[in-house]
N, C-alpha and C. Protein backbone atom coordinates (compact mmCIF):
# COMPACT_ATOMS: atom_id res chain seq x y z
N MET A 1 -89.48 -149.63 83.83
CA MET A 1 -90.75 -148.97 83.68
C MET A 1 -91.97 -149.25 84.45
N LYS A 2 -92.79 -148.45 84.51
CA LYS A 2 -93.91 -147.87 85.38
C LYS A 2 -95.28 -148.06 84.68
N LEU A 3 -96.57 -148.45 85.07
CA LEU A 3 -97.53 -148.04 83.95
C LEU A 3 -98.80 -147.65 84.44
N ARG A 4 -98.63 -146.74 83.86
CA ARG A 4 -99.47 -145.15 85.02
C ARG A 4 -101.12 -145.75 84.23
N THR A 5 -101.67 -145.66 85.50
CA THR A 5 -103.49 -145.94 85.21
C THR A 5 -103.93 -144.91 85.90
N ASP A 6 -103.88 -143.29 85.56
CA ASP A 6 -104.31 -142.90 86.13
C ASP A 6 -104.71 -141.93 84.74
N THR A 7 -104.75 -142.51 83.95
CA THR A 7 -105.27 -141.81 82.48
C THR A 7 -106.31 -142.70 82.11
N PHE A 8 -107.11 -141.47 80.72
CA PHE A 8 -108.37 -141.73 80.27
C PHE A 8 -108.62 -141.10 79.15
N ASP A 9 -109.00 -141.24 78.20
CA ASP A 9 -109.98 -140.65 76.98
C ASP A 9 -111.22 -140.37 77.33
N LEU A 10 -111.61 -139.50 76.95
CA LEU A 10 -112.84 -138.76 77.13
C LEU A 10 -113.70 -138.37 76.30
N TRP A 11 -113.97 -138.88 74.95
CA TRP A 11 -114.89 -138.30 74.00
C TRP A 11 -116.11 -137.73 74.36
N ILE A 12 -115.93 -136.92 73.82
CA ILE A 12 -117.40 -135.93 74.51
C ILE A 12 -118.56 -135.63 73.22
N PHE A 13 -119.30 -135.90 73.28
CA PHE A 13 -120.67 -136.15 72.04
C PHE A 13 -121.79 -135.38 72.13
N SER A 14 -122.19 -134.93 70.72
CA SER A 14 -123.25 -134.22 71.38
C SER A 14 -124.93 -135.07 70.58
N ARG A 15 -125.93 -136.03 70.45
CA ARG A 15 -126.82 -136.04 69.61
C ARG A 15 -127.54 -134.92 69.03
N GLN A 16 -127.42 -135.32 67.57
CA GLN A 16 -128.29 -134.48 66.39
C GLN A 16 -129.06 -135.40 65.78
N PRO A 17 -129.76 -134.46 65.73
CA PRO A 17 -131.36 -135.04 64.51
C PRO A 17 -130.31 -136.46 63.51
N ASP A 18 -129.35 -135.53 62.25
CA ASP A 18 -129.13 -136.75 61.99
C ASP A 18 -128.27 -138.30 62.34
N GLU A 19 -126.85 -137.63 62.77
CA GLU A 19 -126.32 -138.35 63.82
C GLU A 19 -125.63 -138.09 64.99
N PRO A 20 -124.76 -138.41 65.95
CA PRO A 20 -123.94 -137.79 66.85
C PRO A 20 -122.78 -136.80 66.15
N ARG A 21 -122.35 -136.46 66.83
CA ARG A 21 -121.03 -134.99 66.43
C ARG A 21 -120.34 -135.71 67.75
N TYR A 22 -118.86 -135.47 67.29
CA TYR A 22 -118.03 -135.74 68.55
C TYR A 22 -116.98 -134.74 68.58
N LEU A 23 -116.89 -133.90 69.35
CA LEU A 23 -115.90 -133.17 69.26
C LEU A 23 -114.00 -133.47 69.73
N LEU A 24 -113.49 -132.54 68.85
CA LEU A 24 -111.75 -133.13 68.75
C LEU A 24 -111.07 -131.95 68.28
N PHE A 25 -110.15 -132.31 68.36
CA PHE A 25 -108.85 -130.69 68.97
C PHE A 25 -108.13 -131.36 68.14
N HIS A 26 -106.92 -130.55 67.51
CA HIS A 26 -105.76 -130.40 66.85
C HIS A 26 -105.09 -129.39 67.53
N THR A 27 -103.31 -130.77 67.49
CA THR A 27 -102.83 -130.40 68.31
C THR A 27 -101.73 -128.92 67.74
N SER A 28 -101.79 -128.01 68.29
CA SER A 28 -101.42 -127.06 68.12
C SER A 28 -99.50 -127.47 68.18
N GLN A 29 -99.35 -126.31 66.92
CA GLN A 29 -97.46 -126.69 66.93
C GLN A 29 -96.72 -126.65 67.49
N GLU A 30 -97.23 -126.06 68.39
CA GLU A 30 -95.89 -125.35 70.03
C GLU A 30 -95.62 -126.93 70.70
N LYS A 31 -96.97 -127.37 71.04
CA LYS A 31 -97.46 -128.95 71.38
C LYS A 31 -96.60 -130.02 70.83
N ALA A 32 -97.02 -130.04 69.54
CA ALA A 32 -96.19 -130.83 68.89
C ALA A 32 -95.52 -130.73 68.51
N ASP A 33 -94.18 -129.92 68.78
CA ASP A 33 -93.07 -129.20 68.78
C ASP A 33 -92.08 -130.06 70.34
N ARG A 34 -92.46 -129.60 71.09
CA ARG A 34 -92.16 -129.51 72.72
C ARG A 34 -92.44 -131.48 72.94
N TRP A 35 -93.53 -131.93 72.42
CA TRP A 35 -93.61 -133.81 73.43
C TRP A 35 -93.41 -134.65 71.97
N PHE A 36 -94.21 -134.18 70.36
CA PHE A 36 -95.29 -134.79 69.68
C PHE A 36 -93.35 -135.23 68.74
N GLY A 37 -92.56 -134.51 68.23
CA GLY A 37 -91.37 -134.38 67.74
C GLY A 37 -91.88 -133.44 66.45
N GLY A 38 -92.69 -132.34 66.23
CA GLY A 38 -93.26 -131.61 65.84
C GLY A 38 -94.06 -131.89 64.77
N GLY A 39 -94.84 -133.36 65.58
CA GLY A 39 -95.87 -134.05 64.52
C GLY A 39 -97.39 -133.28 64.86
N GLY A 40 -98.15 -132.59 64.62
CA GLY A 40 -99.53 -132.80 65.10
C GLY A 40 -100.82 -134.29 64.34
N PHE A 41 -101.66 -133.42 65.13
CA PHE A 41 -102.26 -134.77 65.27
C PHE A 41 -104.13 -134.04 65.72
N TRP A 42 -104.63 -135.23 65.46
CA TRP A 42 -106.07 -134.69 65.74
C TRP A 42 -106.62 -135.67 66.87
N GLN A 43 -107.08 -135.15 68.06
CA GLN A 43 -107.38 -135.88 69.28
C GLN A 43 -108.81 -135.65 70.21
N THR A 44 -108.75 -136.08 71.16
CA THR A 44 -110.40 -136.20 71.90
C THR A 44 -109.52 -135.06 73.17
N PRO A 45 -110.81 -134.30 73.96
CA PRO A 45 -110.27 -133.26 74.36
C PRO A 45 -108.94 -133.32 75.76
N PRO A 46 -108.24 -132.65 76.12
CA PRO A 46 -106.64 -133.27 76.52
C PRO A 46 -107.08 -133.20 78.01
N GLY A 47 -107.27 -133.44 78.50
CA GLY A 47 -106.78 -133.10 80.51
C GLY A 47 -107.30 -134.21 81.10
N GLY A 48 -107.38 -136.03 80.16
CA GLY A 48 -107.22 -137.33 80.58
C GLY A 48 -106.83 -137.78 81.62
N LEU A 49 -106.45 -137.15 82.86
CA LEU A 49 -105.20 -137.34 84.30
C LEU A 49 -106.42 -137.13 85.20
N ILE A 50 -106.37 -138.31 86.04
CA ILE A 50 -106.49 -137.96 87.00
C ILE A 50 -106.20 -136.92 88.45
N GLU A 51 -105.49 -136.57 88.61
CA GLU A 51 -105.44 -135.61 89.67
C GLU A 51 -105.30 -136.57 90.98
N ASP A 52 -104.47 -135.76 91.73
CA ASP A 52 -104.23 -136.31 92.86
C ASP A 52 -105.39 -136.03 93.79
N ASN A 53 -105.85 -137.40 95.13
CA ASN A 53 -107.06 -136.61 95.45
C ASN A 53 -108.07 -137.00 94.96
N GLU A 54 -108.45 -136.80 93.00
CA GLU A 54 -109.34 -136.57 92.59
C GLU A 54 -110.25 -137.63 92.34
N SER A 55 -111.38 -138.08 92.16
CA SER A 55 -111.96 -138.81 91.13
C SER A 55 -112.32 -138.94 89.85
N LEU A 56 -112.64 -140.03 89.26
CA LEU A 56 -112.79 -139.92 88.20
C LEU A 56 -114.00 -139.31 87.95
N GLN A 57 -114.78 -139.02 88.19
CA GLN A 57 -115.98 -138.31 88.24
C GLN A 57 -115.90 -136.54 88.24
N HIS A 58 -115.09 -135.78 89.46
CA HIS A 58 -114.02 -135.21 89.34
C HIS A 58 -113.73 -134.52 88.31
N ALA A 59 -112.72 -136.02 88.24
CA ALA A 59 -112.63 -135.16 86.50
C ALA A 59 -112.98 -134.96 85.65
N ILE A 60 -113.79 -136.00 85.41
CA ILE A 60 -114.20 -135.79 84.03
C ILE A 60 -115.57 -133.95 83.65
N ASN A 61 -115.66 -133.89 85.36
CA ASN A 61 -116.29 -132.83 85.64
C ASN A 61 -115.54 -131.66 85.30
N ARG A 62 -114.81 -131.63 85.60
CA ARG A 62 -113.35 -130.88 85.32
C ARG A 62 -113.02 -130.50 83.95
N ILE A 63 -113.24 -132.03 83.30
CA ILE A 63 -112.77 -131.06 81.27
C ILE A 63 -113.98 -131.33 81.19
N VAL A 64 -115.82 -131.22 81.71
CA VAL A 64 -116.75 -130.96 80.45
C VAL A 64 -116.82 -129.18 81.15
N GLY A 65 -116.96 -128.80 82.19
CA GLY A 65 -116.83 -127.81 82.55
C GLY A 65 -116.05 -126.65 82.26
N GLY A 66 -114.88 -127.28 82.16
CA GLY A 66 -114.06 -126.71 81.66
C GLY A 66 -113.89 -126.39 80.07
N LEU A 67 -114.95 -126.69 79.46
CA LEU A 67 -115.47 -126.63 78.09
C LEU A 67 -116.64 -125.92 78.12
N ASN A 68 -117.25 -125.33 78.91
CA ASN A 68 -118.31 -124.37 79.17
C ASN A 68 -119.38 -125.68 78.42
N LEU A 69 -119.01 -126.63 78.94
CA LEU A 69 -120.44 -128.20 78.42
C LEU A 69 -121.48 -128.25 79.27
N THR A 70 -122.27 -128.41 78.90
CA THR A 70 -123.50 -129.21 79.90
C THR A 70 -123.68 -130.39 79.97
N LEU A 71 -123.00 -131.69 80.80
CA LEU A 71 -122.69 -133.03 81.20
C LEU A 71 -124.41 -133.42 81.22
N ARG A 72 -124.60 -134.24 79.79
CA ARG A 72 -125.86 -134.96 80.39
C ARG A 72 -125.94 -136.46 80.87
N ALA A 73 -124.91 -137.08 80.66
CA ALA A 73 -124.21 -137.85 81.61
C ALA A 73 -123.05 -139.02 81.13
N VAL A 74 -122.62 -140.15 81.84
CA VAL A 74 -120.91 -140.72 81.48
C VAL A 74 -121.03 -142.31 81.20
N TRP A 75 -120.89 -142.86 80.18
CA TRP A 75 -120.77 -143.76 80.23
C TRP A 75 -119.53 -144.54 80.06
N ALA A 76 -119.05 -145.67 80.05
CA ALA A 76 -117.62 -146.34 80.06
C ALA A 76 -118.27 -147.53 78.68
N ALA A 77 -116.86 -146.99 77.39
CA ALA A 77 -117.01 -147.74 75.99
C ALA A 77 -116.98 -148.87 76.34
N GLU A 78 -116.71 -149.61 76.99
CA GLU A 78 -116.27 -150.59 76.77
C GLU A 78 -114.99 -150.99 76.63
N TYR A 79 -114.02 -150.66 76.23
CA TYR A 79 -112.69 -150.20 76.04
C TYR A 79 -111.51 -149.76 76.45
N SER A 80 -110.33 -150.79 76.66
CA SER A 80 -109.42 -149.50 76.91
C SER A 80 -107.77 -150.19 76.16
N TYR A 81 -106.86 -149.17 75.70
CA TYR A 81 -105.59 -149.43 75.53
C TYR A 81 -104.64 -148.94 75.71
N THR A 82 -103.56 -149.62 75.47
CA THR A 82 -102.34 -148.99 76.45
C THR A 82 -101.02 -148.42 75.28
N ILE A 83 -100.79 -147.40 75.93
CA ILE A 83 -99.94 -146.76 75.22
C ILE A 83 -98.46 -146.31 75.31
N TRP A 84 -97.60 -145.93 74.55
CA TRP A 84 -96.33 -145.41 75.12
C TRP A 84 -96.32 -143.81 75.50
N ASN A 85 -96.64 -143.06 75.59
CA ASN A 85 -97.01 -142.05 75.92
C ASN A 85 -95.47 -140.80 75.96
N ARG A 86 -95.27 -140.26 75.03
CA ARG A 86 -93.95 -139.44 74.33
C ARG A 86 -93.68 -138.30 75.78
N ARG A 87 -95.56 -137.44 75.33
CA ARG A 87 -95.23 -136.02 76.27
C ARG A 87 -94.22 -136.65 78.01
N ARG A 88 -95.36 -138.12 78.17
CA ARG A 88 -94.63 -138.35 79.94
C ARG A 88 -93.50 -139.67 80.15
N SER A 89 -93.05 -139.85 79.04
CA SER A 89 -91.72 -140.42 78.94
C SER A 89 -92.55 -142.55 79.33
N GLY A 90 -93.92 -142.58 79.09
CA GLY A 90 -93.63 -143.48 79.68
C GLY A 90 -95.18 -144.50 79.26
N LEU A 91 -95.45 -146.35 79.92
CA LEU A 91 -96.39 -146.76 79.24
C LEU A 91 -97.71 -146.31 80.58
N GLU A 92 -98.51 -146.13 79.16
CA GLU A 92 -100.46 -145.58 80.17
C GLU A 92 -101.78 -146.46 79.56
N MET A 93 -101.92 -146.99 80.88
CA MET A 93 -103.26 -147.44 80.18
C MET A 93 -104.60 -146.69 80.47
N LEU A 94 -105.32 -147.04 78.86
CA LEU A 94 -106.34 -145.45 79.05
C LEU A 94 -107.69 -146.25 78.71
N PRO A 95 -108.38 -146.09 80.08
CA PRO A 95 -109.61 -146.89 79.90
C PRO A 95 -110.68 -145.66 79.06
N VAL A 96 -111.78 -145.74 78.76
CA VAL A 96 -112.05 -144.78 77.91
C VAL A 96 -113.97 -144.36 77.37
N PHE A 97 -113.79 -143.49 78.18
CA PHE A 97 -115.50 -143.41 78.37
C PHE A 97 -116.23 -142.22 77.38
N ALA A 98 -117.83 -142.20 77.38
CA ALA A 98 -118.48 -141.42 76.44
C ALA A 98 -119.39 -140.50 77.11
N ALA A 99 -119.07 -139.33 77.71
CA ALA A 99 -119.61 -137.75 77.58
C ALA A 99 -120.71 -137.62 76.77
N GLU A 100 -121.96 -137.24 77.28
CA GLU A 100 -122.91 -136.84 76.55
C GLU A 100 -123.22 -135.50 76.50
N VAL A 101 -122.99 -134.54 76.02
CA VAL A 101 -123.69 -132.86 76.11
C VAL A 101 -124.34 -132.42 75.49
N GLU A 102 -124.85 -132.00 76.35
CA GLU A 102 -126.68 -131.47 75.79
C GLU A 102 -126.10 -130.67 74.24
N GLU A 103 -125.57 -129.52 74.03
CA GLU A 103 -125.29 -129.24 73.09
C GLU A 103 -123.64 -129.12 72.32
N ALA A 104 -123.76 -129.50 70.60
CA ALA A 104 -122.63 -129.15 70.14
C ALA A 104 -122.50 -127.73 69.81
N LYS A 105 -121.77 -126.66 70.75
CA LYS A 105 -121.50 -125.61 70.52
C LYS A 105 -119.47 -125.13 70.67
N GLU A 106 -119.22 -123.96 69.87
CA GLU A 106 -117.53 -123.58 70.19
C GLU A 106 -117.41 -123.90 71.35
N VAL A 107 -116.16 -124.55 71.84
CA VAL A 107 -115.48 -124.57 73.24
C VAL A 107 -114.49 -124.19 73.49
N PRO A 108 -114.02 -123.30 74.35
CA PRO A 108 -112.51 -122.62 74.72
C PRO A 108 -111.10 -123.12 74.60
N MET A 109 -110.16 -123.06 74.33
CA MET A 109 -109.08 -123.47 73.77
C MET A 109 -107.94 -123.28 73.83
N THR A 110 -107.44 -124.00 74.67
CA THR A 110 -105.74 -124.22 75.59
C THR A 110 -105.04 -123.90 74.12
N TRP A 111 -103.44 -123.47 75.14
CA TRP A 111 -102.38 -123.46 73.90
C TRP A 111 -102.06 -124.29 73.50
N GLU A 112 -102.76 -126.13 73.75
CA GLU A 112 -101.94 -127.02 73.25
C GLU A 112 -103.18 -127.28 72.11
N ALA A 113 -104.29 -126.59 71.95
CA ALA A 113 -104.99 -127.06 70.44
C ALA A 113 -105.07 -125.43 69.53
N SER A 114 -104.91 -126.22 68.50
CA SER A 114 -105.07 -124.99 67.36
C SER A 114 -106.03 -125.03 66.41
N GLN A 115 -107.30 -125.91 66.51
CA GLN A 115 -108.08 -126.23 65.87
C GLN A 115 -108.76 -127.45 66.78
N GLN A 116 -110.46 -126.82 66.23
CA GLN A 116 -111.23 -127.81 67.20
C GLN A 116 -112.73 -127.74 66.43
N GLY A 117 -113.03 -128.92 66.85
CA GLY A 117 -115.01 -129.17 66.19
C GLY A 117 -115.02 -130.41 66.48
N TRP A 118 -116.35 -130.19 66.29
CA TRP A 118 -117.66 -131.25 66.50
C TRP A 118 -117.97 -131.83 64.63
N PHE A 119 -117.47 -133.87 64.44
CA PHE A 119 -117.70 -134.15 63.14
C PHE A 119 -118.38 -135.33 63.77
N THR A 120 -118.94 -135.69 62.49
CA THR A 120 -119.08 -136.88 62.36
C THR A 120 -118.47 -138.19 62.63
N ALA A 121 -118.96 -139.21 62.98
CA ALA A 121 -118.38 -140.68 62.96
C ALA A 121 -116.72 -140.81 61.73
N ARG A 122 -117.87 -140.69 60.97
CA ARG A 122 -116.84 -140.55 59.75
C ARG A 122 -115.84 -139.37 59.54
N GLU A 123 -116.11 -138.39 59.42
CA GLU A 123 -114.93 -137.36 59.89
C GLU A 123 -114.10 -137.77 60.45
N CYS A 124 -114.11 -137.91 61.82
CA CYS A 124 -113.52 -138.44 63.05
C CYS A 124 -112.22 -139.53 62.45
N GLU A 125 -113.11 -140.59 61.74
CA GLU A 125 -111.94 -141.54 61.52
C GLU A 125 -111.07 -141.50 59.81
N GLU A 126 -111.28 -140.36 60.01
CA GLU A 126 -110.48 -139.38 58.62
C GLU A 126 -109.55 -138.71 59.38
N ARG A 127 -109.75 -138.07 60.19
CA ARG A 127 -108.59 -137.25 61.09
C ARG A 127 -107.81 -138.21 61.93
N LEU A 128 -108.93 -139.18 62.54
CA LEU A 128 -107.90 -139.44 63.42
C LEU A 128 -106.72 -140.68 62.82
N PHE A 129 -105.27 -140.42 63.83
CA PHE A 129 -104.01 -141.26 63.29
C PHE A 129 -104.02 -142.24 64.34
N PHE A 130 -103.97 -142.25 65.76
CA PHE A 130 -103.84 -143.18 66.48
C PHE A 130 -104.83 -144.20 66.51
N ARG A 131 -103.96 -145.43 66.43
CA ARG A 131 -104.92 -146.79 66.67
C ARG A 131 -106.29 -146.82 68.18
N GLY A 132 -105.56 -146.32 69.76
CA GLY A 132 -106.04 -146.31 70.17
C GLY A 132 -107.38 -145.15 70.55
N HIS A 133 -106.84 -144.38 69.32
CA HIS A 133 -108.54 -143.11 69.09
C HIS A 133 -109.41 -143.69 67.90
N LYS A 134 -108.84 -144.33 67.16
CA LYS A 134 -109.81 -144.91 65.89
C LYS A 134 -110.84 -146.02 66.45
N GLU A 135 -109.88 -146.82 67.63
CA GLU A 135 -110.69 -148.16 68.07
C GLU A 135 -111.63 -147.56 68.88
N SER A 136 -111.13 -146.78 69.80
CA SER A 136 -112.01 -146.77 70.83
C SER A 136 -113.39 -145.58 70.59
N LEU A 137 -113.55 -145.20 69.03
CA LEU A 137 -114.88 -144.20 68.66
C LEU A 137 -115.51 -145.72 67.71
N LYS A 138 -115.02 -146.75 67.92
CA LYS A 138 -115.85 -147.82 67.92
C LYS A 138 -116.60 -148.03 68.43
N TYR A 139 -116.03 -148.58 69.96
CA TYR A 139 -116.93 -149.07 70.85
C TYR A 139 -117.84 -147.96 70.96
N ILE A 140 -117.45 -147.07 71.10
CA ILE A 140 -118.26 -145.79 71.69
C ILE A 140 -119.54 -145.59 70.88
N ARG A 141 -119.24 -145.76 69.06
CA ARG A 141 -120.11 -145.83 68.49
C ARG A 141 -121.37 -147.04 68.95
N GLU A 142 -120.74 -148.65 69.03
CA GLU A 142 -121.48 -149.67 69.32
C GLU A 142 -122.42 -149.79 70.59
N TYR A 143 -121.17 -149.34 71.60
CA TYR A 143 -122.12 -149.45 73.27
C TYR A 143 -122.49 -147.86 73.94
N VAL A 144 -122.30 -146.49 72.98
CA VAL A 144 -122.97 -145.36 73.53
C VAL A 144 -124.05 -144.51 72.52
N SER A 145 -123.12 -143.83 71.43
CA SER A 145 -123.58 -143.17 70.99
C SER A 145 -124.26 -142.93 70.13
N GLU A 146 -124.22 -144.77 69.88
CA GLU A 146 -125.16 -145.24 68.33
C GLU A 146 -127.00 -146.39 68.72
N VAL A 147 -126.75 -146.09 69.74
CA VAL A 147 -127.71 -146.89 70.16
C VAL A 147 -128.54 -146.35 70.73
N GLN A 148 -130.12 -146.23 70.82
CA GLN A 148 -130.77 -146.05 70.98
C GLN A 148 -130.82 -145.74 72.57
N GLU A 149 -130.77 -146.47 73.30
CA GLU A 149 -130.44 -146.73 74.66
C GLU A 149 -129.26 -146.95 75.01
N PRO A 150 -127.93 -146.26 75.91
CA PRO A 150 -126.97 -147.54 75.97
C PRO A 150 -127.15 -148.08 77.30
N ALA A 151 -126.58 -149.61 77.67
CA ALA A 151 -127.13 -149.95 79.15
C ALA A 151 -126.64 -149.20 79.76
N ALA A 152 -127.55 -149.63 81.17
CA ALA A 152 -127.44 -148.94 82.83
C ALA A 152 -126.11 -149.61 83.48
N MET A 153 -125.82 -150.95 83.41
CA MET A 153 -124.61 -150.64 83.50
C MET A 153 -123.50 -150.30 83.27
N LEU A 154 -123.17 -149.39 82.35
CA LEU A 154 -121.84 -148.76 82.01
C LEU A 154 -122.13 -147.40 81.94
N ARG A 155 -123.34 -146.68 82.92
CA ARG A 155 -123.85 -145.40 83.15
C ARG A 155 -122.31 -145.13 84.23
N VAL A 156 -121.71 -144.28 84.35
CA VAL A 156 -120.82 -143.36 85.07
C VAL A 156 -120.95 -142.69 85.90
N LEU A 157 -121.89 -141.85 84.83
CA LEU A 157 -122.03 -140.53 85.45
C LEU A 157 -123.49 -139.86 84.69
């Protein structure tokens, strides 16, 4: 069994007057049936895979740009986790990044998603199922989205 290290989680958030909002997608039934035994779940934006000859920065720009969002900055969340990925039948280590965008607006969806939304941290916690997602949100809040100024040494873009 090989360990993949070309995957990552990208949490996209927008600072709002009251509290940050985080972008989540709910898997479509087609995606759930194809790769996850029919079970749907809420997740961060899909696409967290670094393509051949692509840098992390280009992969992040590809994801954010594909959602028609304007990127302000990206930080490492000081957290990574390991999962068994049913879709790719392998073990993956995912570092976690937080991308701040200018506004929380409706974004395009692919066939992989049936719903999307911008949620408060509490609303995210109510929706998330996977341990990695729940723990990622905790560290994003602690190091990036709910601090006045994230640490400069964590800034990626």
